[in-house]
Protein backbone atom coordinates (compact mmCIF):
# COMPACT_ATOMS: atom_id res chain seq x y z
CA UNK A 1 97.94 32.89 -76.84
CA UNK A 2 96.80 30.09 -74.58
CA UNK A 3 98.25 31.82 -71.55
CA UNK A 4 96.31 35.00 -72.27
CA UNK A 5 93.04 33.16 -72.46
CA UNK A 6 93.98 31.19 -69.33
CA UNK A 7 94.63 34.42 -67.41
CA UNK A 8 91.45 35.87 -68.84
CA UNK A 9 89.42 32.88 -67.75
CA UNK A 10 90.96 32.97 -64.27
CA UNK A 11 90.28 36.70 -64.07
CA UNK A 12 86.69 36.19 -65.13
CA UNK A 13 86.31 33.37 -62.62
CA UNK A 14 87.57 35.64 -59.84
CA UNK A 15 85.19 38.42 -60.93
CA UNK A 16 82.28 36.01 -60.97
CA UNK A 17 83.28 34.69 -57.53
CA UNK A 18 83.53 38.24 -56.11
CA UNK A 19 80.19 39.23 -57.65
CA UNK A 20 78.55 36.09 -56.25
CA UNK A 21 80.03 36.73 -52.82
CA UNK A 22 78.90 40.36 -52.92
CA UNK A 23 75.39 39.36 -54.06
CA UNK A 24 75.23 36.71 -51.36
CA UNK A 25 76.27 39.22 -48.69
CA UNK A 26 73.64 41.70 -49.88
CA UNK A 27 70.98 38.99 -49.89
CA UNK A 28 71.92 38.00 -46.34
CA UNK A 29 71.76 41.66 -45.27
CA UNK A 30 68.30 41.98 -46.84
CA UNK A 31 67.09 38.83 -45.11
CA UNK A 32 68.51 39.97 -41.78
CA UNK A 33 66.95 43.41 -42.20
CA UNK A 34 63.57 41.87 -43.05
CA UNK A 35 63.78 39.50 -40.09
CA UNK A 36 64.64 42.39 -37.76
CA UNK A 37 61.71 44.42 -39.09
CA UNK A 38 59.37 41.45 -38.64
CA UNK A 39 60.56 40.86 -35.09
CA UNK A 40 60.12 44.56 -34.27
CA UNK A 41 56.60 44.57 -35.75
CA UNK A 42 55.72 41.42 -33.83
CA UNK A 43 57.00 42.89 -30.59
CA UNK A 44 54.82 45.95 -31.12
CA UNK A 45 51.71 43.95 -32.03
CA UNK A 46 51.96 41.28 -29.32
CA UNK A 47 50.83 43.51 -26.41
CA UNK A 48 47.83 44.71 -28.39
CA UNK A 49 46.86 41.15 -29.29
CA UNK A 50 47.19 40.09 -25.67
CA UNK A 51 45.03 43.03 -24.55
CA UNK A 52 42.36 42.19 -27.14
CA UNK A 53 42.40 38.53 -26.09
CA UNK A 54 42.01 39.54 -22.43
CA UNK A 55 39.05 41.78 -23.26
CA UNK A 56 37.47 39.00 -25.31
CA UNK A 57 37.81 36.61 -22.36
CA UNK A 58 36.24 39.21 -20.07
CA UNK A 59 33.35 39.65 -22.50
CA UNK A 60 32.76 35.90 -22.62
CA UNK A 61 32.86 35.71 -18.82
CA UNK A 62 30.36 38.58 -18.59
CA UNK A 63 28.05 36.88 -21.09
CA UNK A 64 28.21 33.63 -19.13
CA UNK A 65 27.39 35.42 -15.90
CA UNK A 66 24.48 37.24 -17.56
CA UNK A 67 23.10 34.00 -19.00
CA UNK A 68 23.33 31.97 -15.78
CA UNK A 69 20.06 33.20 -14.23
CA UNK A 70 18.16 32.51 -17.45
CA UNK A 71 19.66 29.05 -17.75
CA UNK A 72 18.82 28.28 -14.14
CA UNK A 73 15.24 29.53 -14.62
CA UNK A 74 14.83 27.42 -17.74
CA UNK A 75 16.20 24.40 -15.93
CA UNK A 76 13.74 24.89 -13.10
CA UNK A 77 10.72 25.64 -15.31
CA UNK A 78 11.56 23.61 -18.44
CA UNK A 79 9.13 20.78 -17.79
CA UNK A 80 6.39 23.23 -16.87
CA UNK A 81 6.93 25.14 -20.13
CA UNK A 82 6.84 21.93 -22.16
CA UNK A 83 3.61 20.89 -20.48
CA UNK A 84 2.09 24.31 -21.27
CA UNK A 85 3.19 23.96 -24.89
CA UNK A 86 1.64 20.49 -25.19
CA UNK A 87 -1.59 21.76 -23.62
CA UNK A 88 -1.79 24.75 -26.00
CA UNK A 89 -1.17 22.54 -29.05
CA UNK A 90 -3.85 20.09 -27.92
CA UNK A 91 -6.35 22.92 -27.29
CA UNK A 92 -5.59 24.45 -30.70
CA UNK A 93 -6.07 21.12 -32.44
CA UNK A 94 -9.41 20.63 -30.64
CA UNK A 95 -10.58 24.14 -31.61
CA UNK A 96 -9.59 23.65 -35.28
CA UNK A 97 -11.39 20.28 -35.35
CA UNK A 98 -14.51 21.79 -33.76
CA UNK A 99 -14.54 24.97 -35.94
CA UNK A 100 -12.76 24.23 -39.26
CA UNK A 101 -14.31 27.08 -41.32
CA UNK A 102 -13.74 29.68 -38.62
CA UNK A 103 -10.13 28.44 -38.18
CA UNK A 104 -9.50 28.73 -41.92
CA UNK A 105 -10.85 32.30 -41.92
CA UNK A 106 -8.63 33.23 -38.99
CA UNK A 107 -5.61 31.73 -40.77
CA UNK A 108 -6.34 33.60 -44.02
CA UNK A 109 -6.89 36.90 -42.18
CA UNK A 110 -3.70 36.42 -40.16
CA UNK A 111 -1.71 35.66 -43.32
CA UNK A 112 -3.10 38.75 -45.05
CA UNK A 113 -2.29 41.04 -42.12
CA UNK A 114 1.23 39.62 -41.72
CA UNK A 115 1.81 39.98 -45.46
CA UNK A 116 0.81 43.65 -45.35
CA UNK A 117 3.03 44.31 -42.34
CA UNK A 118 6.07 42.55 -43.81
CA UNK A 119 5.83 44.38 -47.16
CA UNK A 120 6.45 47.73 -45.50
């Protein structure tokens, strides 16, 4: 009886080994198939990504070129603009100090008008 169970165990071991080998081969095939599909998808997407990146670079270059004149103008007139701002602030402060009630009325009226406009 021991020989029958020994043959049976050896037979089962061989079946298990074959099943494991078959499962391993199928798993490798699935992995290879998935890798091939991923590589194919990547090869199809890469040109589109490169084209989009190129267009994005062109858009940035265009924006830089469009902004250059404004930046140059601001560089040339920056100090002049700051001086104008300081002058306007000083004049406004002088006016408010000289006419506090009138300034308050103007502020209230301005707030009311802006509130009505922004509610719409």
